[in-house]
Amino acid sequence: MSNVRRWLADRWVMGVAVLVLGYLTLPILVVAGLSFNRPSSRVSYDFHEFTLDNWARPCATADMCDAVVRSMEIGLIATVVSTVLGTLMAFALVRHGFRGRSGINGLIFLPMATPELVMGTSLLALFVAAGVPQGFWTIVIAHVMFCVSFVVVTVKARLAGMDRRLEEAAMDLYASEWQTFRRITLPLVLPGIVAAALLAFSLSFDDFIITNFNAGTTVTFPMYVWGAAQRGIPPQVNVIGTAMFAIALLLVGASSLRGRRARRAALAVIATPAGKP
């Protein structure tokens, strides 16, 4: 009995973690299962019959695919802009000391802490007061505004956990600042940047509240799903959701693997004596 108690005491945290992960993964598994379902009616969500038609014809509903493409365009633009700005801000906040640094650190969390309803209405009032017509680009501006904060926080965490001695050792071995950044710093920070970009794209792709206030007549994928829910969501929606999750999972795995290889390569470069290949 004592051995059983000791075994449970050593592994109860892992058991709770597995249960929590299972709880978080359950909705994704349901969506993936429904992507292979032929519903009995447009307003039914029960698993009626297995089929591959949904995956064979993901664009059976033309309006849905147009909304998906539009959301991807907005997400890609917002991701590129917010990742560049957020990465530069993260480097400045972690690597440099300047007046107002602590205040800027606090301001970065405001878009994350502000309710989306408040941010959406505030941006709408700003665009209306400035005479900017609502549409594609107002959505992009709104998405960049809240995605930058998540990029900064993610890249900052990566920079804070990086061993600065690797860069110092590279420069001790007569590497220039650019060579150190290109061969040591960037490969080590890249997994954090990729993770921040994926997070920004996910937040942009599935945002509804802020987008709904600033979209005008532009229809994104979340807005299409919201509208289609009143007359029956097509099963191809589950295909899109499953495919996006699978792609994101592959990108995260590839980025993590690349980060491990980059760290081993950096350690190998530092450990190589001067004058040897």
C-alpha atoms as a PDB file:
ATOM      1  CA  MET A   1       0.000   0.000   0.000  1.00  0.00           C
ATOM      2  CA  SER A   2       2.828   2.390   0.802  1.00  0.00           C
ATOM      3  CA  ASN A   3       4.352   1.764  -2.638  1.00  0.00           C
ATOM      4  CA  VAL A   4       1.049   2.620  -4.283  1.00  0.00           C
ATOM      5  CA  ARG A   5       0.755   5.844  -2.283  1.00  0.00           C
ATOM      6  CA  ARG A   6       4.315   6.807  -3.166  1.00  0.00           C
ATOM      7  CA  TRP A   7       3.664   6.072  -6.830  1.00  0.00           C
ATOM      8  CA  LEU A   8       0.503   8.218  -6.782  1.00  0.00           C
ATOM      9  CA  ALA A   9       2.283  11.005  -4.896  1.00  0.00           C
ATOM     10  CA  ASP A  10       5.055  11.086  -7.497  1.00  0.00           C
ATOM     11  CA  ARG A  11       2.716  11.110 -10.491  1.00  0.00           C
ATOM     12  CA  TRP A  12      -0.452  12.921  -9.472  1.00  0.00           C
ATOM     13  CA  VAL A  13       0.706  16.168 -11.088  1.00  0.00           C
ATOM     14  CA  MET A  14       1.294  14.361 -14.378  1.00  0.00           C
ATOM     15  CA  GLY A  15      -2.140  12.723 -14.099  1.00  0.00           C
ATOM     16  CA  VAL A  16      -3.848  16.082 -13.578  1.00  0.00           C
ATOM     17  CA  ALA A  17      -1.910  17.531 -16.511  1.00  0.00           C
ATOM     18  CA  VAL A  18      -3.046  14.680 -18.764  1.00  0.00           C
ATOM     19  CA  LEU A  19      -6.663  15.207 -17.734  1.00  0.00           C
ATOM     20  CA  VAL A  20      -6.444  18.949 -18.413  1.00  0.00           C
ATOM     21  CA  LEU A  21      -4.834  18.365 -21.813  1.00  0.00           C
ATOM     22  CA  GLY A  22      -7.495  15.822 -22.646  1.00  0.00           C
ATOM     23  CA  TYR A  23     -10.201  18.310 -21.684  1.00  0.00           C
ATOM     24  CA  LEU A  24      -8.614  20.974 -23.897  1.00  0.00           C
ATOM     25  CA  THR A  25      -8.176  18.568 -26.796  1.00  0.00           C
ATOM     26  CA  LEU A  26     -11.702  17.150 -26.678  1.00  0.00           C
ATOM     27  CA  PRO A  27     -13.367  19.961 -28.713  1.00  0.00           C
ATOM     28  CA  ILE A  28     -10.658  19.647 -31.377  1.00  0.00           C
ATOM     29  CA  LEU A  29     -11.267  15.913 -31.630  1.00  0.00           C
ATOM     30  CA  VAL A  30     -15.003  16.533 -31.970  1.00  0.00           C
ATOM     31  CA  VAL A  31     -14.424  19.021 -34.798  1.00  0.00           C
ATOM     32  CA  ALA A  32     -12.061  16.575 -36.528  1.00  0.00           C
ATOM     33  CA  GLY A  33     -14.653  13.793 -36.221  1.00  0.00           C
ATOM     34  CA  LEU A  34     -17.446  15.977 -37.571  1.00  0.00           C
ATOM     35  CA  SER A  35     -15.312  16.816 -40.612  1.00  0.00           C
ATOM     36  CA  PHE A  36     -15.925  13.199 -41.725  1.00  0.00           C
ATOM     37  CA  ASN A  37     -19.638  13.364 -41.003  1.00  0.00           C
ATOM     38  CA  ARG A  38     -22.602  13.591 -43.360  1.00  0.00           C
ATOM     39  CA  PRO A  39     -25.289  15.194 -41.172  1.00  0.00           C
ATOM     40  CA  SER A  40     -28.864  14.106 -41.395  1.00  0.00           C
ATOM     41  CA  SER A  41     -29.955  17.722 -41.923  1.00  0.00           C
ATOM     42  CA  ARG A  42     -28.440  21.196 -42.181  1.00  0.00           C
ATOM     43  CA  VAL A  43     -29.346  22.034 -38.587  1.00  0.00           C
ATOM     44  CA  SER A  44     -28.199  18.698 -37.127  1.00  0.00           C
ATOM     45  CA  TYR A  45     -24.750  18.207 -35.583  1.00  0.00           C
ATOM     46  CA  ASP A  46     -24.994  14.545 -34.625  1.00  0.00           C
ATOM     47  CA  PHE A  47     -22.675  12.000 -36.238  1.00  0.00           C
ATOM     48  CA  HIS A  48     -24.946  10.452 -38.845  1.00  0.00           C
ATOM     49  CA  GLU A  49     -22.781   8.822 -41.530  1.00  0.00           C
ATOM     50  CA  PHE A  50     -19.041   8.597 -42.257  1.00  0.00           C
ATOM     51  CA  THR A  51     -17.950  10.256 -45.510  1.00  0.00           C
ATOM     52  CA  LEU A  52     -14.893  11.691 -47.233  1.00  0.00           C
ATOM     53  CA  ASP A  53     -16.912  14.048 -49.421  1.00  0.00           C
ATOM     54  CA  ASN A  54     -16.297  16.990 -47.110  1.00  0.00           C
ATOM     55  CA  TRP A  55     -12.536  16.679 -47.561  1.00  0.00           C
ATOM     56  CA  ALA A  56     -12.861  15.946 -51.284  1.00  0.00           C
ATOM     57  CA  ARG A  57     -14.961  19.086 -51.817  1.00  0.00           C
ATOM     58  CA  PRO A  58     -13.896  21.633 -49.172  1.00  0.00           C
ATOM     59  CA  CYS A  59     -15.137  24.515 -51.342  1.00  0.00           C
ATOM     60  CA  ALA A  60     -18.594  23.131 -51.994  1.00  0.00           C
ATOM     61  CA  THR A  61     -19.872  26.405 -50.553  1.00  0.00           C
ATOM     62  CA  ALA A  62     -18.239  29.160 -52.604  1.00  0.00           C
ATOM     63  CA  ASP A  63     -19.047  31.950 -50.143  1.00  0.00           C
ATOM     64  CA  MET A  64     -17.293  30.061 -47.362  1.00  0.00           C
ATOM     65  CA  CYS A  65     -14.077  29.631 -49.340  1.00  0.00           C
ATOM     66  CA  ASP A  66     -14.110  33.309 -50.268  1.00  0.00           C
ATOM     67  CA  ALA A  67     -14.391  34.159 -46.568  1.00  0.00           C
ATOM     68  CA  VAL A  68     -11.564  31.740 -45.720  1.00  0.00           C
ATOM     69  CA  VAL A  69      -9.268  33.292 -48.341  1.00  0.00           C
ATOM     70  CA  ARG A  70     -10.114  36.767 -47.084  1.00  0.00           C
ATOM     71  CA  SER A  71      -9.385  35.774 -43.493  1.00  0.00           C
ATOM     72  CA  MET A  72      -6.067  34.233 -44.545  1.00  0.00           C
ATOM     73  CA  GLU A  73      -5.074  37.392 -46.420  1.00  0.00           C
ATOM     74  CA  ILE A  74      -5.907  39.544 -43.411  1.00  0.00           C
ATOM     75  CA  GLY A  75      -4.167  37.109 -41.073  1.00  0.00           C
ATOM     76  CA  LEU A  76      -0.982  36.959 -43.147  1.00  0.00           C
ATOM     77  CA  ILE A  77      -0.674  40.743 -43.448  1.00  0.00           C
ATOM     78  CA  ALA A  78      -1.425  41.282 -39.770  1.00  0.00           C
ATOM     79  CA  THR A  79       0.994  38.509 -38.805  1.00  0.00           C
ATOM     80  CA  VAL A  80       3.901  39.881 -40.845  1.00  0.00           C
ATOM     81  CA  VAL A  81       3.444  43.452 -39.602  1.00  0.00           C
ATOM     82  CA  SER A  82       2.859  42.526 -35.958  1.00  0.00           C
ATOM     83  CA  THR A  83       5.723  39.996 -35.922  1.00  0.00           C
ATOM     84  CA  VAL A  84       8.230  42.510 -37.288  1.00  0.00           C
ATOM     85  CA  LEU A  85       7.105  45.290 -34.951  1.00  0.00           C
ATOM     86  CA  GLY A  86       6.736  43.002 -31.939  1.00  0.00           C
ATOM     87  CA  THR A  87      10.135  41.351 -32.424  1.00  0.00           C
ATOM     88  CA  LEU A  88      11.896  44.716 -32.670  1.00  0.00           C
ATOM     89  CA  MET A  89      10.073  45.931 -29.561  1.00  0.00           C
ATOM     90  CA  ALA A  90      10.969  42.754 -27.664  1.00  0.00           C
ATOM     91  CA  PHE A  91      14.673  43.132 -28.490  1.00  0.00           C
ATOM     92  CA  ALA A  92      14.574  46.783 -27.423  1.00  0.00           C
ATOM     93  CA  LEU A  93      12.838  46.013 -24.120  1.00  0.00           C
ATOM     94  CA  VAL A  94      15.072  43.052 -23.215  1.00  0.00           C
ATOM     95  CA  ARG A  95      18.456  44.158 -24.534  1.00  0.00           C
ATOM     96  CA  HIS A  96      18.415  47.934 -23.958  1.00  0.00           C
ATOM     97  CA  GLY A  97      17.747  50.240 -21.049  1.00  0.00           C
ATOM     98  CA  PHE A  98      16.025  53.564 -21.726  1.00  0.00           C
ATOM     99  CA  ARG A  99      13.767  56.052 -20.012  1.00  0.00           C
ATOM    100  CA  GLY A 100      10.152  54.910 -19.886  1.00  0.00           C
ATOM    101  CA  ARG A 101      10.983  51.242 -20.311  1.00  0.00           C
ATOM    102  CA  SER A 102       8.858  50.086 -17.372  1.00  0.00           C
ATOM    103  CA  GLY A 103       5.921  52.187 -18.548  1.00  0.00           C
ATOM    104  CA  ILE A 104       6.097  50.694 -22.033  1.00  0.00           C
ATOM    105  CA  ASN A 105       6.166  47.200 -20.508  1.00  0.00           C
ATOM    106  CA  GLY A 106       2.893  48.040 -18.797  1.00  0.00           C
ATOM    107  CA  LEU A 107       1.316  49.548 -21.900  1.00  0.00           C
ATOM    108  CA  ILE A 108       2.060  46.385 -23.888  1.00  0.00           C
ATOM    109  CA  PHE A 109      -0.378  44.434 -21.712  1.00  0.00           C
ATOM    110  CA  LEU A 110      -3.254  46.886 -22.231  1.00  0.00           C
ATOM    111  CA  PRO A 111      -4.495  45.397 -25.548  1.00  0.00           C
ATOM    112  CA  MET A 112      -4.311  41.939 -23.971  1.00  0.00           C
ATOM    113  CA  ALA A 113      -6.250  42.997 -20.874  1.00  0.00           C
ATOM    114  CA  THR A 114      -8.800  45.220 -22.612  1.00  0.00           C
ATOM    115  CA  PRO A 115     -12.116  43.461 -23.365  1.00  0.00           C
ATOM    116  CA  GLU A 116     -12.597  42.908 -27.084  1.00  0.00           C
ATOM    117  CA  LEU A 117     -15.956  44.659 -26.959  1.00  0.00           C
ATOM    118  CA  VAL A 118     -14.321  47.822 -25.630  1.00  0.00           C
ATOM    119  CA  MET A 119     -11.468  47.671 -28.142  1.00  0.00           C
ATOM    120  CA  GLY A 120     -13.837  47.037 -31.048  1.00  0.00           C
ATOM    121  CA  THR A 121     -16.118  49.957 -30.227  1.00  0.00           C
ATOM    122  CA  SER A 122     -13.143  52.260 -29.551  1.00  0.00           C
ATOM    123  CA  LEU A 123     -11.567  51.450 -32.911  1.00  0.00           C
ATOM    124  CA  LEU A 124     -14.911  51.919 -34.631  1.00  0.00           C
ATOM    125  CA  ALA A 125     -15.295  55.372 -33.032  1.00  0.00           C
ATOM    126  CA  LEU A 126     -11.724  56.228 -34.083  1.00  0.00           C
ATOM    127  CA  PHE A 127     -12.261  55.187 -37.709  1.00  0.00           C
ATOM    128  CA  VAL A 128     -15.597  57.010 -37.908  1.00  0.00           C
ATOM    129  CA  ALA A 129     -14.125  60.189 -36.413  1.00  0.00           C
ATOM    130  CA  ALA A 130     -11.197  60.029 -38.853  1.00  0.00           C
ATOM    131  CA  GLY A 131     -13.506  59.413 -41.796  1.00  0.00           C
ATOM    132  CA  VAL A 132     -11.930  56.059 -42.639  1.00  0.00           C
ATOM    133  CA  PRO A 133     -14.372  53.687 -44.391  1.00  0.00           C
ATOM    134  CA  GLN A 134     -14.666  50.295 -42.691  1.00  0.00           C
ATOM    135  CA  GLY A 135     -13.434  47.344 -44.686  1.00  0.00           C
ATOM    136  CA  PHE A 136     -10.422  45.147 -45.360  1.00  0.00           C
ATOM    137  CA  TRP A 137      -7.722  47.549 -44.168  1.00  0.00           C
ATOM    138  CA  THR A 138      -9.497  48.674 -41.015  1.00  0.00           C
ATOM    139  CA  ILE A 139      -9.664  45.000 -40.029  1.00  0.00           C
ATOM    140  CA  VAL A 140      -5.925  44.656 -40.678  1.00  0.00           C
ATOM    141  CA  ILE A 141      -5.145  47.731 -38.555  1.00  0.00           C
ATOM    142  CA  ALA A 142      -7.333  46.437 -35.725  1.00  0.00           C
ATOM    143  CA  HIS A 143      -5.731  42.996 -35.813  1.00  0.00           C
ATOM    144  CA  VAL A 144      -2.201  44.396 -35.813  1.00  0.00           C
ATOM    145  CA  MET A 145      -3.071  46.450 -32.748  1.00  0.00           C
ATOM    146  CA  PHE A 146      -3.851  43.465 -30.522  1.00  0.00           C
ATOM    147  CA  CYS A 147      -1.475  40.961 -32.158  1.00  0.00           C
ATOM    148  CA  VAL A 148       1.626  43.075 -31.464  1.00  0.00           C
ATOM    149  CA  SER A 149       1.219  42.640 -27.699  1.00  0.00           C
ATOM    150  CA  PHE A 150       1.143  38.843 -27.946  1.00  0.00           C
ATOM    151  CA  VAL A 151       4.215  38.853 -30.203  1.00  0.00           C
ATOM    152  CA  VAL A 152       6.163  41.054 -27.803  1.00  0.00           C
ATOM    153  CA  VAL A 153       5.335  38.882 -24.794  1.00  0.00           C
ATOM    154  CA  THR A 154       6.217  35.645 -26.622  1.00  0.00           C
ATOM    155  CA  VAL A 155       9.523  36.863 -28.057  1.00  0.00           C
ATOM    156  CA  LYS A 156      10.467  38.509 -24.760  1.00  0.00           C
ATOM    157  CA  ALA A 157      10.050  35.187 -22.979  1.00  0.00           C
ATOM    158  CA  ARG A 158      12.343  33.531 -25.528  1.00  0.00           C
ATOM    159  CA  LEU A 159      14.974  36.259 -25.216  1.00  0.00           C
ATOM    160  CA  ALA A 160      14.844  36.201 -21.422  1.00  0.00           C
ATOM    161  CA  GLY A 161      15.473  32.445 -21.388  1.00  0.00           C
ATOM    162  CA  MET A 162      18.346  32.572 -23.869  1.00  0.00           C
ATOM    163  CA  ASP A 163      21.896  32.112 -22.606  1.00  0.00           C
ATOM    164  CA  ARG A 164      23.769  35.352 -23.353  1.00  0.00           C
ATOM    165  CA  ARG A 165      27.081  33.572 -22.806  1.00  0.00           C
ATOM    166  CA  LEU A 166      26.729  31.933 -26.215  1.00  0.00           C
ATOM    167  CA  GLU A 167      26.777  35.348 -27.895  1.00  0.00           C
ATOM    168  CA  GLU A 168      29.627  36.542 -25.699  1.00  0.00           C
ATOM    169  CA  ALA A 169      31.654  33.435 -26.518  1.00  0.00           C
ATOM    170  CA  ALA A 170      31.063  33.941 -30.242  1.00  0.00           C
ATOM    171  CA  MET A 171      32.286  37.525 -30.073  1.00  0.00           C
ATOM    172  CA  ASP A 172      35.284  36.417 -28.010  1.00  0.00           C
ATOM    173  CA  LEU A 173      36.146  34.195 -30.970  1.00  0.00           C
ATOM    174  CA  TYR A 174      36.294  37.330 -33.196  1.00  0.00           C
ATOM    175  CA  ALA A 175      32.815  37.068 -34.681  1.00  0.00           C
ATOM    176  CA  SER A 176      31.359  40.419 -35.668  1.00  0.00           C
ATOM    177  CA  GLU A 177      28.035  41.641 -34.267  1.00  0.00           C
ATOM    178  CA  TRP A 178      26.274  40.742 -37.512  1.00  0.00           C
ATOM    179  CA  GLN A 179      27.850  37.268 -37.620  1.00  0.00           C
ATOM    180  CA  THR A 180      26.892  36.679 -33.982  1.00  0.00           C
ATOM    181  CA  PHE A 181      23.327  37.743 -34.663  1.00  0.00           C
ATOM    182  CA  ARG A 182      23.018  35.687 -37.848  1.00  0.00           C
ATOM    183  CA  ARG A 183      24.640  32.468 -36.607  1.00  0.00           C
ATOM    184  CA  ILE A 184      23.869  32.498 -32.865  1.00  0.00           C
ATOM    185  CA  THR A 185      21.129  34.926 -31.828  1.00  0.00           C
ATOM    186  CA  LEU A 186      18.666  34.546 -34.696  1.00  0.00           C
ATOM    187  CA  PRO A 187      18.651  30.708 -34.796  1.00  0.00           C
ATOM    188  CA  LEU A 188      18.096  30.590 -31.031  1.00  0.00           C
ATOM    189  CA  VAL A 189      15.326  33.210 -31.058  1.00  0.00           C
ATOM    190  CA  LEU A 190      13.684  31.927 -34.247  1.00  0.00           C
ATOM    191  CA  PRO A 191      11.459  29.314 -32.502  1.00  0.00           C
ATOM    192  CA  GLY A 192      10.038  32.083 -30.328  1.00  0.00           C
ATOM    193  CA  ILE A 193       9.454  34.307 -33.351  1.00  0.00           C
ATOM    194  CA  VAL A 194       7.742  31.481 -35.241  1.00  0.00           C
ATOM    195  CA  ALA A 195       5.589  30.683 -32.204  1.00  0.00           C
ATOM    196  CA  ALA A 196       4.646  34.366 -31.906  1.00  0.00           C
ATOM    197  CA  ALA A 197       3.772  34.522 -35.612  1.00  0.00           C
ATOM    198  CA  LEU A 198       1.592  31.409 -35.362  1.00  0.00           C
ATOM    199  CA  LEU A 199      -0.154  32.849 -32.308  1.00  0.00           C
ATOM    200  CA  ALA A 200      -0.735  36.161 -34.092  1.00  0.00           C
ATOM    201  CA  PHE A 201      -2.134  34.420 -37.165  1.00  0.00           C
ATOM    202  CA  SER A 202      -4.449  32.257 -35.047  1.00  0.00           C
ATOM    203  CA  LEU A 203      -5.746  35.269 -33.125  1.00  0.00           C
ATOM    204  CA  SER A 204      -6.289  37.204 -36.340  1.00  0.00           C
ATOM    205  CA  PHE A 205      -7.887  34.322 -38.239  1.00  0.00           C
ATOM    206  CA  ASP A 206     -10.548  33.503 -35.658  1.00  0.00           C
ATOM    207  CA  ASP A 207     -11.277  36.981 -34.274  1.00  0.00           C
ATOM    208  CA  PHE A 208     -14.946  37.898 -34.453  1.00  0.00           C
ATOM    209  CA  ILE A 209     -15.873  40.666 -32.005  1.00  0.00           C
ATOM    210  CA  ILE A 210     -13.319  43.309 -33.043  1.00  0.00           C
ATOM    211  CA  THR A 211     -13.683  42.339 -36.696  1.00  0.00           C
ATOM    212  CA  ASN A 212     -17.473  42.603 -36.574  1.00  0.00           C
ATOM    213  CA  PHE A 213     -17.271  46.219 -35.393  1.00  0.00           C
ATOM    214  CA  ASN A 214     -14.747  47.294 -38.048  1.00  0.00           C
ATOM    215  CA  ALA A 215     -15.509  45.080 -41.059  1.00  0.00           C
ATOM    216  CA  GLY A 216     -18.097  47.160 -42.862  1.00  0.00           C
ATOM    217  CA  THR A 217     -19.330  44.932 -45.694  1.00  0.00           C
ATOM    218  CA  THR A 218     -16.261  42.646 -45.577  1.00  0.00           C
ATOM    219  CA  VAL A 219     -17.069  39.079 -44.493  1.00  0.00           C
ATOM    220  CA  THR A 220     -14.366  36.984 -42.817  1.00  0.00           C
ATOM    221  CA  PHE A 221     -14.525  33.294 -41.975  1.00  0.00           C
ATOM    222  CA  PRO A 222     -15.713  33.739 -38.338  1.00  0.00           C
ATOM    223  CA  MET A 223     -18.384  36.170 -39.518  1.00  0.00           C
ATOM    224  CA  TYR A 224     -19.510  33.681 -42.171  1.00  0.00           C
ATOM    225  CA  VAL A 225     -19.786  30.903 -39.549  1.00  0.00           C
ATOM    226  CA  TRP A 226     -21.783  33.189 -37.270  1.00  0.00           C
ATOM    227  CA  GLY A 227     -24.174  34.026 -40.082  1.00  0.00           C
ATOM    228  CA  ALA A 228     -24.424  30.432 -41.284  1.00  0.00           C
ATOM    229  CA  ALA A 229     -25.277  29.200 -37.783  1.00  0.00           C
ATOM    230  CA  GLN A 230     -28.769  30.644 -38.200  1.00  0.00           C
ATOM    231  CA  ARG A 231     -29.528  28.434 -41.209  1.00  0.00           C
ATOM    232  CA  GLY A 232     -27.166  25.489 -40.663  1.00  0.00           C
ATOM    233  CA  ILE A 233     -23.374  25.377 -40.684  1.00  0.00           C
ATOM    234  CA  PRO A 234     -21.965  23.375 -43.633  1.00  0.00           C
ATOM    235  CA  PRO A 235     -19.759  20.421 -42.603  1.00  0.00           C
ATOM    236  CA  GLN A 236     -16.885  21.881 -44.650  1.00  0.00           C
ATOM    237  CA  VAL A 237     -16.386  24.356 -41.801  1.00  0.00           C
ATOM    238  CA  ASN A 238     -15.073  21.469 -39.707  1.00  0.00           C
ATOM    239  CA  VAL A 239     -12.695  20.553 -42.535  1.00  0.00           C
ATOM    240  CA  ILE A 240     -11.224  24.061 -42.536  1.00  0.00           C
ATOM    241  CA  GLY A 241     -10.842  24.043 -38.754  1.00  0.00           C
ATOM    242  CA  THR A 242      -9.188  20.616 -38.698  1.00  0.00           C
ATOM    243  CA  ALA A 243      -6.827  21.509 -41.542  1.00  0.00           C
ATOM    244  CA  MET A 244      -5.767  24.770 -39.856  1.00  0.00           C
ATOM    245  CA  PHE A 245      -5.075  22.954 -36.589  1.00  0.00           C
ATOM    246  CA  ALA A 246      -3.049  20.233 -38.327  1.00  0.00           C
ATOM    247  CA  ILE A 247      -0.954  22.783 -40.241  1.00  0.00           C
ATOM    248  CA  ALA A 248      -0.300  24.780 -37.073  1.00  0.00           C
ATOM    249  CA  LEU A 249       0.705  21.603 -35.219  1.00  0.00           C
ATOM    250  CA  LEU A 250       3.167  20.662 -37.969  1.00  0.00           C
ATOM    251  CA  LEU A 251       4.680  24.156 -38.009  1.00  0.00           C
ATOM    252  CA  VAL A 252       5.100  24.182 -34.227  1.00  0.00           C
ATOM    253  CA  GLY A 253       6.759  20.757 -34.312  1.00  0.00           C
ATOM    254  CA  ALA A 254       9.095  21.793 -37.126  1.00  0.00           C
ATOM    255  CA  SER A 255       9.982  25.025 -35.329  1.00  0.00           C
ATOM    256  CA  SER A 256      10.702  23.181 -32.083  1.00  0.00           C
ATOM    257  CA  LEU A 257      12.906  20.661 -33.879  1.00  0.00           C
ATOM    258  CA  ARG A 258      14.748  23.439 -35.681  1.00  0.00           C
ATOM    259  CA  GLY A 259      15.289  25.252 -32.387  1.00  0.00           C
ATOM    260  CA  ARG A 260      16.894  22.187 -30.815  1.00  0.00           C
ATOM    261  CA  ARG A 261      19.166  21.709 -33.809  1.00  0.00           C
ATOM    262  CA  ALA A 262      20.101  25.399 -33.782  1.00  0.00           C
ATOM    263  CA  ARG A 263      21.047  25.246 -30.110  1.00  0.00           C
ATOM    264  CA  ARG A 264      23.197  22.150 -30.647  1.00  0.00           C
ATOM    265  CA  ALA A 265      24.821  23.834 -33.657  1.00  0.00           C
ATOM    266  CA  ALA A 266      25.518  26.984 -31.659  1.00  0.00           C
ATOM    267  CA  LEU A 267      27.090  24.962 -28.852  1.00  0.00           C
ATOM    268  CA  ALA A 268      29.189  23.100 -31.419  1.00  0.00           C
ATOM    269  CA  VAL A 269      30.379  26.363 -32.957  1.00  0.00           C
ATOM    270  CA  ILE A 270      31.327  27.749 -29.548  1.00  0.00           C
ATOM    271  CA  ALA A 271      33.074  24.509 -28.535  1.00  0.00           C
ATOM    272  CA  THR A 272      35.199  24.414 -31.697  1.00  0.00           C
ATOM    273  CA  PRO A 273      38.694  25.710 -30.905  1.00  0.00           C
ATOM    274  CA  ALA A 274      39.866  28.738 -32.821  1.00  0.00           C
ATOM    275  CA  GLY A 275      41.646  27.895 -36.047  1.00  0.00           C
ATOM    276  CA  LYS A 276      39.884  24.560 -36.528  1.00  0.00           C
ATOM    277  CA  PRO A 277      36.982  23.938 -38.931  1.00  0.00           C
END
